[in-house]
N, C-alpha and C. Protein backbone atom coordinates (compact mmCIF):
# COMPACT_ATOMS: atom_id res chain seq x y z
N MET A 1 -9.03 19.46 27.44
CA MET A 1 -9.85 20.34 26.63
C MET A 1 -10.49 19.51 25.52
N ARG A 2 -11.71 19.85 25.18
CA ARG A 2 -12.43 19.17 24.10
C ARG A 2 -11.76 19.46 22.76
N VAL A 3 -11.75 18.48 21.89
CA VAL A 3 -11.09 18.64 20.60
C VAL A 3 -11.77 19.71 19.75
N ASP A 4 -13.10 19.82 19.78
CA ASP A 4 -13.77 20.83 18.96
C ASP A 4 -13.40 22.25 19.42
N LEU A 5 -13.30 22.46 20.72
CA LEU A 5 -12.90 23.77 21.23
C LEU A 5 -11.44 24.05 20.89
N TYR A 6 -10.59 23.06 21.01
CA TYR A 6 -9.17 23.23 20.70
C TYR A 6 -8.96 23.64 19.24
N LEU A 7 -9.66 22.97 18.32
CA LEU A 7 -9.51 23.29 16.90
C LEU A 7 -9.96 24.72 16.60
N LYS A 8 -10.99 25.17 17.28
CA LYS A 8 -11.46 26.54 17.09
C LYS A 8 -10.45 27.53 17.67
N LEU A 9 -9.95 27.28 18.88
CA LEU A 9 -8.99 28.19 19.52
C LEU A 9 -7.68 28.30 18.74
N MET A 10 -7.26 27.21 18.12
CA MET A 10 -6.01 27.23 17.37
C MET A 10 -6.18 27.77 15.95
N GLY A 11 -7.40 28.11 15.58
CA GLY A 11 -7.64 28.68 14.26
C GLY A 11 -7.68 27.68 13.13
N VAL A 12 -7.78 26.39 13.45
CA VAL A 12 -7.87 25.36 12.41
C VAL A 12 -9.24 25.44 11.75
N THR A 13 -10.27 25.67 12.56
CA THR A 13 -11.62 25.91 12.04
C THR A 13 -12.08 27.27 12.53
N LYS A 14 -13.01 27.87 11.80
CA LYS A 14 -13.48 29.20 12.18
C LYS A 14 -14.44 29.16 13.37
N THR A 15 -15.19 28.08 13.48
CA THR A 15 -16.16 27.97 14.57
C THR A 15 -16.06 26.61 15.23
N ARG A 16 -16.57 26.54 16.45
CA ARG A 16 -16.61 25.27 17.16
C ARG A 16 -17.60 24.32 16.49
N MET A 17 -18.66 24.88 15.93
CA MET A 17 -19.66 24.06 15.25
C MET A 17 -19.06 23.37 14.03
N LEU A 18 -18.20 24.07 13.30
CA LEU A 18 -17.54 23.46 12.15
C LEU A 18 -16.61 22.33 12.59
N ALA A 19 -15.89 22.54 13.70
CA ALA A 19 -15.03 21.49 14.24
C ALA A 19 -15.86 20.28 14.67
N LYS A 20 -17.01 20.54 15.26
CA LYS A 20 -17.92 19.45 15.66
C LYS A 20 -18.40 18.68 14.44
N ARG A 21 -18.74 19.39 13.40
CA ARG A 21 -19.22 18.76 12.17
C ARG A 21 -18.13 17.86 11.56
N LEU A 22 -16.89 18.34 11.55
CA LEU A 22 -15.78 17.53 11.03
C LEU A 22 -15.61 16.24 11.83
N CYS A 23 -15.72 16.35 13.16
CA CYS A 23 -15.62 15.16 14.00
C CYS A 23 -16.78 14.20 13.73
N ASP A 24 -17.98 14.73 13.63
CA ASP A 24 -19.16 13.90 13.38
C ASP A 24 -19.08 13.19 12.03
N GLN A 25 -18.40 13.80 11.06
CA GLN A 25 -18.25 13.21 9.73
C GLN A 25 -17.07 12.23 9.67
N GLY A 26 -16.37 12.05 10.77
CA GLY A 26 -15.25 11.12 10.81
C GLY A 26 -14.00 11.63 10.12
N LYS A 27 -13.76 12.94 10.18
CA LYS A 27 -12.61 13.54 9.51
C LYS A 27 -11.52 14.01 10.47
N VAL A 28 -11.68 13.72 11.76
CA VAL A 28 -10.67 14.09 12.76
C VAL A 28 -10.26 12.80 13.48
N PHE A 29 -8.94 12.55 13.51
CA PHE A 29 -8.42 11.30 14.06
C PHE A 29 -7.41 11.56 15.16
N LEU A 30 -7.42 10.71 16.17
CA LEU A 30 -6.45 10.74 17.25
C LEU A 30 -5.97 9.31 17.43
N GLY A 31 -4.70 9.08 17.22
CA GLY A 31 -4.16 7.73 17.33
C GLY A 31 -4.74 6.76 16.31
N GLY A 32 -5.08 7.28 15.13
CA GLY A 32 -5.61 6.43 14.07
C GLY A 32 -7.10 6.13 14.17
N LYS A 33 -7.77 6.65 15.19
CA LYS A 33 -9.20 6.42 15.36
C LYS A 33 -9.97 7.73 15.20
N ALA A 34 -11.11 7.66 14.52
CA ALA A 34 -11.99 8.82 14.42
C ALA A 34 -12.50 9.15 15.82
N ILE A 35 -12.56 10.43 16.14
CA ILE A 35 -12.97 10.82 17.49
C ILE A 35 -14.22 11.69 17.46
N LYS A 36 -14.88 11.76 18.60
CA LYS A 36 -16.07 12.59 18.78
C LYS A 36 -15.63 14.00 19.18
N PRO A 37 -16.50 14.99 18.97
CA PRO A 37 -16.13 16.37 19.31
C PRO A 37 -15.86 16.58 20.80
N SER A 38 -16.43 15.74 21.65
CA SER A 38 -16.25 15.90 23.09
C SER A 38 -14.99 15.20 23.61
N GLN A 39 -14.23 14.56 22.74
CA GLN A 39 -13.01 13.84 23.14
C GLN A 39 -12.04 14.81 23.80
N GLU A 40 -11.56 14.45 24.98
CA GLU A 40 -10.56 15.26 25.67
C GLU A 40 -9.19 14.97 25.06
N ILE A 41 -8.43 16.03 24.82
CA ILE A 41 -7.09 15.88 24.26
C ILE A 41 -6.06 16.39 25.25
N LEU A 42 -4.83 15.89 25.10
CA LEU A 42 -3.74 16.25 26.00
C LEU A 42 -2.53 16.72 25.20
N ALA A 43 -1.67 17.47 25.85
CA ALA A 43 -0.42 17.90 25.22
C ALA A 43 0.40 16.67 24.85
N GLY A 44 1.04 16.72 23.69
CA GLY A 44 1.86 15.62 23.22
C GLY A 44 1.15 14.71 22.23
N GLU A 45 -0.17 14.80 22.15
CA GLU A 45 -0.91 13.96 21.22
C GLU A 45 -0.88 14.55 19.82
N THR A 46 -1.16 13.72 18.83
CA THR A 46 -1.16 14.15 17.43
C THR A 46 -2.55 13.96 16.84
N LEU A 47 -3.05 15.02 16.22
CA LEU A 47 -4.35 14.98 15.55
C LEU A 47 -4.14 14.94 14.05
N GLU A 48 -4.99 14.20 13.35
CA GLU A 48 -5.00 14.21 11.89
C GLU A 48 -6.37 14.70 11.46
N LEU A 49 -6.38 15.67 10.54
CA LEU A 49 -7.63 16.25 10.05
C LEU A 49 -7.67 16.16 8.55
N PHE A 50 -8.83 15.81 8.04
CA PHE A 50 -9.05 15.75 6.60
C PHE A 50 -10.08 16.81 6.25
N LEU A 51 -9.57 18.00 5.92
CA LEU A 51 -10.43 19.14 5.58
C LEU A 51 -10.75 19.12 4.10
N PRO A 52 -11.75 19.88 3.66
CA PRO A 52 -12.11 19.87 2.23
C PRO A 52 -10.95 20.22 1.29
N GLN A 53 -10.08 21.15 1.68
CA GLN A 53 -9.01 21.60 0.79
C GLN A 53 -7.63 21.05 1.13
N LYS A 54 -7.48 20.44 2.32
CA LYS A 54 -6.15 19.97 2.71
C LYS A 54 -6.24 18.94 3.83
N GLU A 55 -5.12 18.27 4.04
CA GLU A 55 -4.98 17.34 5.15
C GLU A 55 -3.93 17.91 6.10
N LEU A 56 -4.19 17.80 7.40
CA LEU A 56 -3.27 18.33 8.40
C LEU A 56 -2.93 17.27 9.43
N ARG A 57 -1.70 17.29 9.88
CA ARG A 57 -1.29 16.51 11.04
C ARG A 57 -0.72 17.53 12.02
N LEU A 58 -1.34 17.63 13.20
CA LEU A 58 -0.96 18.62 14.19
C LEU A 58 -0.47 17.95 15.46
N LYS A 59 0.62 18.44 15.99
CA LYS A 59 1.09 17.98 17.29
C LYS A 59 0.68 19.02 18.32
N ILE A 60 0.00 18.57 19.35
CA ILE A 60 -0.47 19.47 20.41
C ILE A 60 0.70 19.69 21.36
N ILE A 61 1.22 20.89 21.36
CA ILE A 61 2.36 21.22 22.21
C ILE A 61 1.88 21.57 23.61
N GLU A 62 0.85 22.40 23.68
CA GLU A 62 0.34 22.85 24.97
C GLU A 62 -1.15 23.14 24.85
N ILE A 63 -1.88 22.87 25.89
CA ILE A 63 -3.31 23.17 25.93
C ILE A 63 -3.46 24.56 26.53
N PRO A 64 -4.10 25.50 25.81
CA PRO A 64 -4.27 26.86 26.36
C PRO A 64 -5.20 26.85 27.57
N SER A 65 -4.91 27.71 28.51
CA SER A 65 -5.74 27.80 29.72
C SER A 65 -6.86 28.81 29.56
N LEU A 66 -6.80 29.61 28.52
CA LEU A 66 -7.81 30.65 28.30
C LEU A 66 -8.88 30.18 27.34
N LYS A 67 -9.99 30.89 27.31
CA LYS A 67 -11.08 30.56 26.41
C LYS A 67 -10.94 31.24 25.05
N SER A 68 -9.93 32.09 24.91
CA SER A 68 -9.64 32.68 23.61
C SER A 68 -8.13 32.86 23.50
N VAL A 69 -7.63 32.67 22.28
CA VAL A 69 -6.20 32.77 22.03
C VAL A 69 -6.00 33.61 20.78
N ALA A 70 -5.24 34.70 20.91
CA ALA A 70 -4.96 35.56 19.77
C ALA A 70 -4.06 34.83 18.78
N LYS A 71 -4.21 35.17 17.51
CA LYS A 71 -3.43 34.51 16.46
C LYS A 71 -1.93 34.64 16.72
N SER A 72 -1.50 35.81 17.14
CA SER A 72 -0.08 36.02 17.40
C SER A 72 0.42 35.14 18.56
N GLU A 73 -0.44 34.87 19.54
CA GLU A 73 -0.05 34.05 20.68
C GLU A 73 0.10 32.58 20.28
N ARG A 74 -0.71 32.10 19.33
CA ARG A 74 -0.61 30.71 18.88
C ARG A 74 0.79 30.45 18.34
N ILE A 75 1.29 31.39 17.55
CA ILE A 75 2.60 31.24 16.93
C ILE A 75 3.70 31.54 17.94
N GLN A 76 3.55 32.64 18.67
CA GLN A 76 4.57 33.09 19.60
C GLN A 76 4.84 32.07 20.71
N PHE A 77 3.81 31.50 21.28
CA PHE A 77 3.96 30.58 22.39
C PHE A 77 4.06 29.12 21.95
N GLY A 78 3.94 28.85 20.66
CA GLY A 78 4.11 27.50 20.16
C GLY A 78 3.12 26.51 20.73
N LEU A 79 1.84 26.84 20.69
CA LEU A 79 0.81 25.96 21.27
C LEU A 79 0.52 24.75 20.38
N VAL A 80 0.80 24.88 19.08
CA VAL A 80 0.53 23.79 18.15
C VAL A 80 1.63 23.77 17.10
N GLU A 81 1.98 22.60 16.63
CA GLU A 81 2.99 22.45 15.57
C GLU A 81 2.37 21.70 14.42
N ILE A 82 2.47 22.28 13.22
CA ILE A 82 1.97 21.59 12.03
C ILE A 82 3.07 20.65 11.57
N ILE A 83 2.81 19.36 11.67
CA ILE A 83 3.79 18.35 11.28
C ILE A 83 3.75 18.13 9.77
N ARG A 84 2.53 18.07 9.24
CA ARG A 84 2.38 17.84 7.80
C ARG A 84 1.13 18.55 7.30
N GLU A 85 1.26 19.20 6.16
CA GLU A 85 0.14 19.84 5.50
C GLU A 85 0.18 19.49 4.04
N ILE A 86 -0.88 18.85 3.57
CA ILE A 86 -0.95 18.45 2.15
C ILE A 86 -2.09 19.18 1.50
């Protein structure tokens, strides 16, 4: 799954366009490298995001198979784990 779509589905950003903008500005990292919005991500990888108000480190537990994920399902099914939030 593309990183911009994943960030939107997990509720990290409100829109896919905002996730794309963060990637284009070099604020989303995978393995210590800035990534493009089209970067494919896999379960088990760790993303680092530098948002305007906070920094996040997220561990991708599972990639959702649907094109939309309810907020309750994100938490209930453990699709993402926040490792660090500053």
